[in-house]
């Protein structure tokens, strides 16, 4: 089944919703973005992957004031896979309470569920300084 323009819109909106929910503290709504058994891979940040919605919400709560106050996403690129899943690659920008910022790359696997599109697997890749810099 071909990825429609509507599918592309809904997936991009799904990816954006993550930041809105985190920034407003609505962690109980993460099921609107992720599958119940989501894998949230943060190994690039020296942590074990998180599995499931409650592990994801617990980790965000544990960070407390160290969470960015603003999660922004841009440069979303979607690629349909042969099995109907969608690979989504995007850039995340986090703004911290002290005004500093950071950048990540999100590598997502998005699946169609009975409730609509959901992220089944997310890998966060840390922004690294360019070679020679």
N, C-alpha and C. Protein backbone atom coordinates (compact mmCIF):
# COMPACT_ATOMS: atom_id res chain seq x y z
N UNK A 1 0.85 -1.18 0.00
CA UNK A 1 0.00 0.00 0.00
C UNK A 1 0.89 1.24 0.00
N UNK A 2 0.65 2.14 -0.90
CA UNK A 2 1.48 3.33 -1.04
C UNK A 2 1.17 4.34 0.06
N UNK A 3 2.20 5.02 0.50
CA UNK A 3 2.09 6.07 1.51
C UNK A 3 1.43 7.29 0.87
N UNK A 4 0.27 7.69 1.36
CA UNK A 4 -0.46 8.82 0.78
C UNK A 4 0.05 10.14 1.37
N UNK A 5 -0.37 11.22 0.74
CA UNK A 5 -0.06 12.56 1.28
C UNK A 5 -0.66 12.71 2.68
N UNK A 6 -1.85 12.17 2.88
CA UNK A 6 -2.48 12.24 4.21
C UNK A 6 -1.65 11.46 5.23
N UNK A 7 -1.17 10.26 4.84
CA UNK A 7 -0.30 9.49 5.75
C UNK A 7 0.93 10.30 6.13
N UNK A 8 1.55 10.92 5.14
CA UNK A 8 2.75 11.73 5.40
C UNK A 8 2.45 12.86 6.38
N UNK A 9 1.33 13.53 6.17
CA UNK A 9 0.93 14.61 7.06
C UNK A 9 0.72 14.08 8.48
N UNK A 10 -0.01 12.98 8.61
CA UNK A 10 -0.32 12.41 9.93
C UNK A 10 0.95 11.95 10.65
N UNK A 11 1.89 11.37 9.93
CA UNK A 11 3.14 10.92 10.55
C UNK A 11 3.97 12.11 11.00
N UNK A 12 4.06 13.14 10.18
CA UNK A 12 4.82 14.33 10.58
C UNK A 12 4.18 14.98 11.81
N UNK A 13 2.86 15.03 11.85
CA UNK A 13 2.15 15.58 13.01
C UNK A 13 2.38 14.72 14.25
N UNK A 14 2.40 13.41 14.07
CA UNK A 14 2.69 12.48 15.16
C UNK A 14 4.06 12.77 15.77
N UNK A 15 5.05 12.92 14.92
CA UNK A 15 6.41 13.20 15.38
C UNK A 15 6.46 14.53 16.14
N UNK A 16 5.75 15.53 15.65
CA UNK A 16 5.70 16.82 16.33
C UNK A 16 4.99 16.74 17.68
N UNK A 17 3.97 15.91 17.79
CA UNK A 17 3.17 15.81 19.02
C UNK A 17 4.02 15.39 20.22
N UNK A 18 5.05 14.59 20.00
CA UNK A 18 5.93 14.16 21.09
C UNK A 18 6.42 15.36 21.90
N UNK A 19 6.92 16.38 21.22
CA UNK A 19 7.43 17.56 21.90
C UNK A 19 6.35 18.30 22.67
N UNK A 20 5.17 18.42 22.07
CA UNK A 20 4.08 19.11 22.76
C UNK A 20 3.71 18.39 24.05
N UNK A 21 3.61 17.08 24.00
CA UNK A 21 3.23 16.32 25.19
C UNK A 21 4.30 16.40 26.27
N UNK A 22 5.56 16.27 25.88
CA UNK A 22 6.64 16.35 26.86
C UNK A 22 6.73 17.74 27.48
N UNK A 23 6.64 18.76 26.65
CA UNK A 23 6.80 20.13 27.15
C UNK A 23 5.65 20.55 28.06
N UNK A 24 4.48 19.97 27.88
CA UNK A 24 3.33 20.32 28.72
C UNK A 24 3.17 19.34 29.88
N UNK A 25 4.07 18.34 29.98
CA UNK A 25 4.00 17.38 31.07
C UNK A 25 2.88 16.38 30.96
N UNK A 26 2.33 16.21 29.77
CA UNK A 26 1.21 15.29 29.57
C UNK A 26 1.72 13.89 29.22
N UNK A 27 2.54 13.34 30.10
CA UNK A 27 3.18 12.05 29.82
C UNK A 27 2.19 10.90 29.77
N UNK A 28 1.02 11.06 30.39
CA UNK A 28 0.00 10.02 30.34
C UNK A 28 -0.58 9.88 28.93
N UNK A 29 -0.30 10.83 28.04
CA UNK A 29 -0.81 10.80 26.67
C UNK A 29 0.22 10.26 25.67
N UNK A 30 1.36 9.77 26.14
CA UNK A 30 2.40 9.28 25.23
C UNK A 30 1.91 8.15 24.32
N UNK A 31 0.85 7.47 24.74
CA UNK A 31 0.25 6.42 23.91
C UNK A 31 -0.37 6.96 22.62
N UNK A 32 -0.53 8.28 22.53
CA UNK A 32 -1.01 8.91 21.30
C UNK A 32 0.10 9.03 20.26
N UNK A 33 1.35 8.81 20.71
CA UNK A 33 2.51 8.94 19.84
C UNK A 33 3.22 7.61 19.64
N UNK A 34 3.31 6.82 20.71
CA UNK A 34 4.09 5.58 20.70
C UNK A 34 3.20 4.37 20.91
N UNK A 35 3.65 3.21 20.40
CA UNK A 35 2.96 1.95 20.68
C UNK A 35 3.19 1.60 22.16
N UNK A 36 2.31 0.77 22.75
CA UNK A 36 2.47 0.42 24.16
C UNK A 36 3.81 -0.23 24.49
N UNK A 37 4.38 -0.97 23.52
CA UNK A 37 5.64 -1.68 23.76
C UNK A 37 6.82 -1.01 23.06
N UNK A 38 6.74 0.30 22.88
CA UNK A 38 7.79 1.06 22.18
C UNK A 38 9.17 0.76 22.76
N UNK A 39 10.15 0.74 21.88
CA UNK A 39 11.56 0.74 22.30
C UNK A 39 12.09 2.13 22.01
N UNK A 40 12.64 2.77 23.05
CA UNK A 40 13.19 4.13 22.96
C UNK A 40 14.67 4.00 23.27
N UNK A 41 15.46 3.96 22.21
CA UNK A 41 16.88 3.62 22.31
C UNK A 41 17.72 4.87 22.56
N UNK A 42 18.25 4.97 23.77
CA UNK A 42 19.09 6.10 24.16
C UNK A 42 20.51 5.64 24.47
N UNK A 43 20.93 4.53 23.85
CA UNK A 43 22.27 4.00 24.13
C UNK A 43 23.36 4.97 23.69
N UNK A 44 23.08 5.82 22.71
CA UNK A 44 24.07 6.80 22.27
C UNK A 44 24.37 7.83 23.37
N UNK A 45 23.51 7.86 24.39
CA UNK A 45 23.68 8.76 25.53
C UNK A 45 24.14 8.00 26.77
N UNK A 46 24.60 6.75 26.58
CA UNK A 46 25.14 5.97 27.68
C UNK A 46 24.09 5.33 28.58
N UNK A 47 22.86 5.20 28.10
CA UNK A 47 21.79 4.61 28.89
C UNK A 47 21.23 3.39 28.17
N UNK A 48 20.63 2.51 28.94
CA UNK A 48 19.98 1.34 28.36
C UNK A 48 18.71 1.76 27.64
N UNK A 49 18.32 1.03 26.59
CA UNK A 49 17.06 1.35 25.91
C UNK A 49 15.88 1.25 26.87
N UNK A 50 14.91 2.12 26.68
CA UNK A 50 13.67 2.10 27.45
C UNK A 50 12.66 1.29 26.67
N UNK A 51 11.86 0.49 27.39
CA UNK A 51 10.86 -0.34 26.72
C UNK A 51 9.51 -0.13 27.38
N UNK A 52 8.56 0.30 26.59
CA UNK A 52 7.20 0.50 27.08
C UNK A 52 6.92 1.94 27.48
N UNK A 53 5.64 2.29 27.43
CA UNK A 53 5.22 3.66 27.73
C UNK A 53 5.54 4.07 29.15
N UNK A 54 5.34 3.18 30.12
CA UNK A 54 5.59 3.58 31.52
C UNK A 54 7.07 3.81 31.76
N UNK A 55 7.95 3.03 31.13
CA UNK A 55 9.39 3.25 31.29
C UNK A 55 9.79 4.60 30.69
N UNK A 56 9.17 4.95 29.58
CA UNK A 56 9.45 6.23 28.93
C UNK A 56 8.99 7.39 29.81
N UNK A 57 7.78 7.31 30.35
CA UNK A 57 7.26 8.36 31.22
C UNK A 57 8.06 8.44 32.51
N UNK A 58 8.42 7.30 33.09
CA UNK A 58 9.22 7.29 34.33
C UNK A 58 10.57 7.95 34.12
N UNK A 59 11.20 7.69 32.98
CA UNK A 59 12.51 8.29 32.69
C UNK A 59 12.38 9.81 32.56
N UNK A 60 11.32 10.27 31.92
CA UNK A 60 11.11 11.72 31.79
C UNK A 60 10.88 12.36 33.16
N UNK A 61 10.10 11.69 34.00
CA UNK A 61 9.86 12.21 35.35
C UNK A 61 11.16 12.23 36.16
N UNK A 62 11.97 11.20 36.01
CA UNK A 62 13.23 11.11 36.76
C UNK A 62 14.19 12.24 36.37
N UNK A 63 14.15 12.68 35.11
CA UNK A 63 15.00 13.79 34.69
C UNK A 63 14.58 15.11 35.33
N UNK A 64 13.30 15.23 35.62
CA UNK A 64 12.80 16.43 36.30
C UNK A 64 13.22 17.70 35.58
N UNK A 65 13.85 18.61 36.33
CA UNK A 65 14.25 19.91 35.79
C UNK A 65 15.36 19.82 34.76
N UNK A 66 15.96 18.66 34.59
CA UNK A 66 17.00 18.50 33.57
C UNK A 66 16.41 18.24 32.19
N UNK A 67 15.09 18.06 32.11
CA UNK A 67 14.42 17.92 30.81
C UNK A 67 14.49 19.25 30.07
N UNK A 68 14.62 19.20 28.75
CA UNK A 68 14.50 20.45 27.99
C UNK A 68 13.12 21.07 28.24
N UNK A 69 13.05 22.40 28.23
CA UNK A 69 11.76 23.07 28.36
C UNK A 69 11.08 23.18 27.00
N UNK A 70 11.82 22.97 25.94
CA UNK A 70 11.26 23.00 24.59
C UNK A 70 11.86 21.93 23.72
N UNK A 71 11.01 21.04 23.21
CA UNK A 71 11.41 20.02 22.24
C UNK A 71 10.89 20.47 20.88
N UNK A 72 11.78 20.62 19.91
CA UNK A 72 11.38 21.04 18.57
C UNK A 72 11.90 20.02 17.57
N UNK A 73 11.12 19.76 16.53
CA UNK A 73 11.52 18.78 15.53
C UNK A 73 11.41 19.42 14.15
N UNK A 74 12.35 19.05 13.30
CA UNK A 74 12.40 19.61 11.95
C UNK A 74 13.02 18.59 11.00
N UNK A 75 13.05 18.93 9.72
CA UNK A 75 13.71 18.12 8.69
C UNK A 75 13.23 16.67 8.68
N UNK A 76 11.92 16.48 8.69
CA UNK A 76 11.33 15.14 8.71
C UNK A 76 11.39 14.55 7.31
N UNK A 77 11.99 13.37 7.20
CA UNK A 77 12.08 12.65 5.93
C UNK A 77 11.48 11.26 6.14
N UNK A 78 10.50 10.91 5.32
CA UNK A 78 9.80 9.63 5.46
C UNK A 78 10.11 8.72 4.30
N UNK A 79 10.36 7.45 4.62
CA UNK A 79 10.64 6.44 3.60
C UNK A 79 9.79 5.21 3.90
N UNK A 80 8.92 4.86 2.97
CA UNK A 80 8.08 3.68 3.15
C UNK A 80 8.93 2.43 2.97
N UNK A 81 8.72 1.47 3.86
CA UNK A 81 9.43 0.19 3.80
C UNK A 81 8.54 -0.85 3.11
N UNK A 82 9.13 -1.91 2.61
CA UNK A 82 8.39 -2.95 1.90
C UNK A 82 7.32 -3.61 2.77
N UNK A 83 7.55 -3.66 4.09
CA UNK A 83 6.60 -4.32 4.99
C UNK A 83 5.48 -3.39 5.46
N UNK A 84 5.38 -2.17 4.92
CA UNK A 84 4.33 -1.25 5.30
C UNK A 84 4.70 -0.30 6.42
N UNK A 85 5.82 -0.58 7.07
CA UNK A 85 6.32 0.34 8.09
C UNK A 85 6.91 1.55 7.40
N UNK A 86 7.11 2.60 8.17
CA UNK A 86 7.71 3.82 7.62
C UNK A 86 8.94 4.16 8.45
N UNK A 87 10.04 4.44 7.77
CA UNK A 87 11.23 4.94 8.45
C UNK A 87 11.14 6.45 8.42
N UNK A 88 11.21 7.07 9.58
CA UNK A 88 11.16 8.53 9.69
C UNK A 88 12.48 9.00 10.30
N UNK A 89 13.12 9.93 9.64
CA UNK A 89 14.34 10.53 10.15
C UNK A 89 14.08 12.02 10.33
N UNK A 90 14.41 12.54 11.50
CA UNK A 90 14.17 13.95 11.77
C UNK A 90 15.24 14.48 12.71
N UNK A 91 15.29 15.80 12.81
CA UNK A 91 16.23 16.47 13.70
C UNK A 91 15.45 17.00 14.89
N UNK A 92 16.00 16.78 16.07
CA UNK A 92 15.41 17.31 17.29
C UNK A 92 16.30 18.38 17.87
N UNK A 93 15.69 19.46 18.31
CA UNK A 93 16.40 20.55 18.97
C UNK A 93 15.77 20.72 20.34
N UNK A 94 16.59 20.64 21.38
CA UNK A 94 16.10 20.82 22.74
C UNK A 94 16.61 22.14 23.30
N UNK A 95 15.71 22.91 23.89
CA UNK A 95 16.07 24.17 24.53
C UNK A 95 15.97 23.94 26.04
N UNK A 96 17.05 24.20 26.74
CA UNK A 96 17.10 23.99 28.18
C UNK A 96 16.69 25.25 28.93
N UNK A 97 16.33 25.09 30.20
CA UNK A 97 15.87 26.21 31.01
C UNK A 97 16.92 27.32 31.11
N UNK A 98 18.20 26.95 31.03
CA UNK A 98 19.26 27.96 31.14
C UNK A 98 19.58 28.63 29.80
N UNK A 99 18.82 28.31 28.76
CA UNK A 99 19.01 28.92 27.45
C UNK A 99 19.95 28.17 26.53
N UNK A 100 20.64 27.15 27.04
CA UNK A 100 21.49 26.34 26.17
C UNK A 100 20.60 25.43 25.33
N UNK A 101 21.19 24.87 24.29
CA UNK A 101 20.42 23.99 23.42
C UNK A 101 21.25 22.78 23.03
N UNK A 102 20.57 21.78 22.52
CA UNK A 102 21.23 20.58 22.03
C UNK A 102 20.48 20.06 20.83
N UNK A 103 21.13 19.17 20.08
CA UNK A 103 20.52 18.63 18.88
C UNK A 103 20.70 17.12 18.84
N UNK A 104 19.69 16.43 18.35
CA UNK A 104 19.74 14.99 18.16
C UNK A 104 19.16 14.67 16.78
N UNK A 105 19.41 13.46 16.34
CA UNK A 105 18.70 12.90 15.19
C UNK A 105 17.80 11.81 15.71
N UNK A 106 16.54 11.85 15.31
CA UNK A 106 15.58 10.80 15.64
C UNK A 106 15.50 9.85 14.45
N UNK A 107 15.67 8.58 14.71
CA UNK A 107 15.46 7.52 13.71
C UNK A 107 14.27 6.71 14.21
N UNK A 108 13.13 6.84 13.56
CA UNK A 108 11.90 6.21 14.02
C UNK A 108 11.42 5.14 13.05
N UNK A 109 10.80 4.12 13.63
CA UNK A 109 10.01 3.17 12.86
C UNK A 109 8.57 3.44 13.24
N UNK A 110 7.77 3.77 12.23
CA UNK A 110 6.37 4.14 12.44
C UNK A 110 5.50 3.05 11.84
N UNK A 111 4.49 2.63 12.61
CA UNK A 111 3.59 1.56 12.18
C UNK A 111 2.14 2.04 12.23
N UNK A 112 1.32 1.46 11.36
CA UNK A 112 -0.11 1.76 11.35
C UNK A 112 -0.78 0.82 12.35
N UNK A 113 -1.52 1.39 13.29
CA UNK A 113 -2.24 0.60 14.29
C UNK A 113 -3.73 0.88 14.15
N UNK A 114 -4.54 0.22 14.95
CA UNK A 114 -5.97 0.47 14.96
C UNK A 114 -6.31 1.88 15.42
N UNK A 115 -5.38 2.53 16.12
CA UNK A 115 -5.58 3.90 16.59
C UNK A 115 -4.91 4.93 15.68
N UNK A 116 -4.33 4.48 14.58
CA UNK A 116 -3.62 5.37 13.67
C UNK A 116 -2.13 5.08 13.71
N UNK A 117 -1.35 5.96 13.12
CA UNK A 117 0.10 5.78 13.08
C UNK A 117 0.69 5.97 14.47
N UNK A 118 1.68 5.13 14.81
CA UNK A 118 2.39 5.23 16.09
C UNK A 118 3.86 4.90 15.86
N UNK A 119 4.71 5.48 16.70
CA UNK A 119 6.15 5.17 16.67
C UNK A 119 6.36 3.92 17.50
N UNK A 120 6.92 2.90 16.86
CA UNK A 120 7.18 1.60 17.49
C UNK A 120 8.61 1.50 18.02
N UNK A 121 9.51 2.22 17.38
CA UNK A 121 10.92 2.20 17.77
C UNK A 121 11.52 3.56 17.47
N UNK A 122 12.19 4.14 18.47
CA UNK A 122 12.88 5.42 18.26
C UNK A 122 14.30 5.28 18.77
N UNK A 123 15.24 5.68 17.93
CA UNK A 123 16.64 5.75 18.32
C UNK A 123 17.05 7.22 18.32
N UNK A 124 17.64 7.66 19.42
CA UNK A 124 18.18 9.02 19.49
C UNK A 124 19.66 8.95 19.22
N UNK A 125 20.12 9.71 18.27
CA UNK A 125 21.55 9.78 17.94
C UNK A 125 22.07 11.15 18.38
N UNK A 126 23.10 11.13 19.20
CA UNK A 126 23.67 12.37 19.71
C UNK A 126 24.31 13.16 18.59
N UNK A 127 24.22 14.45 18.68
CA UNK A 127 24.89 15.34 17.72
C UNK A 127 26.36 15.34 18.06
N UNK A 128 27.18 15.06 17.11
CA UNK A 128 28.64 15.02 17.28
C UNK A 128 29.26 16.19 16.54
N UNK A 129 30.39 16.67 17.06
CA UNK A 129 31.10 17.76 16.39
C UNK A 129 31.61 17.24 15.04
N UNK A 130 31.60 18.09 14.02
CA UNK A 130 32.08 17.65 12.71
C UNK A 130 33.58 17.33 12.77
N UNK A 131 34.02 16.51 11.83
CA UNK A 131 35.45 16.18 11.76
C UNK A 131 36.28 17.44 11.63
N UNK A 132 37.34 17.48 12.38
CA UNK A 132 38.24 18.64 12.33
C UNK A 132 37.74 19.82 13.12
N UNK A 133 36.56 19.67 13.77
CA UNK A 133 35.98 20.78 14.51
C UNK A 133 35.84 20.46 15.89
